[in-house]
């Protein structure tokens, strides 16, 4: 029995190491695998690899995109999921905030701050709504601000949306309220108590603002509780 258990543990470790080496976002990995692989290697920002850019091209990086590929960075990070386990995460951001995000997500991981999902928005067809409904944390996506022709800060890779399902964007205009994602109406009441709600007292808010980011939840006309930009 003891030998069988050791064999299973060895197979699991090899599988986890493979997932880290190939950086399979969303996968759960063990603390032992992270130790073998090297914690520092799990928090880094690199030029966009060809394989990653192939996923982005025609999606979050559409034809006519005015942001140069060389201005963007691929961030690798670990995060603690809602299940309490360590997950592999990824996002693309502007090189101007890459070092900030590496430091921020490293601290959040060390503090075991829970994040629902962290994959490229291209895995959700570059659809902001689809990504938010999946509670996916993301950054770069070349798009305009909803209801305008102005480029979003996400189009520059200078904004991050964290746990968006629980922290929706709320717009009120002419007596009409629009909630994004549309499935997040239960989390629009910010006076209610529920898990994963970002507030000024939240660790996430404190860490991001300490790095000079502005919080969309503090805006007047629109309340974008998931949103941090620089």
Foldseek 3Di string as FASTA:
>chain_A
DVVVVVVVVVVLLVVLLVCVVVQPFFDFHDPVNCVVNDVVVQWDKAQQDPVNVVLCECFLQDPPQPADSRQKIKTWHWAQAPVRTIGTAIEMAGPVCSVLVSVLRVVRRVVRPHFHGHYYCSVVRLDQQSCLVSQYKYAAGFDCDPPDPHTDLNSNRFKIFTSDLLFWKWAADPNDIDTGPPNNPVNPPVVDDDPPFDDCVDPSVVSLVVVPWDAQCPDDRMHRRRMTGD
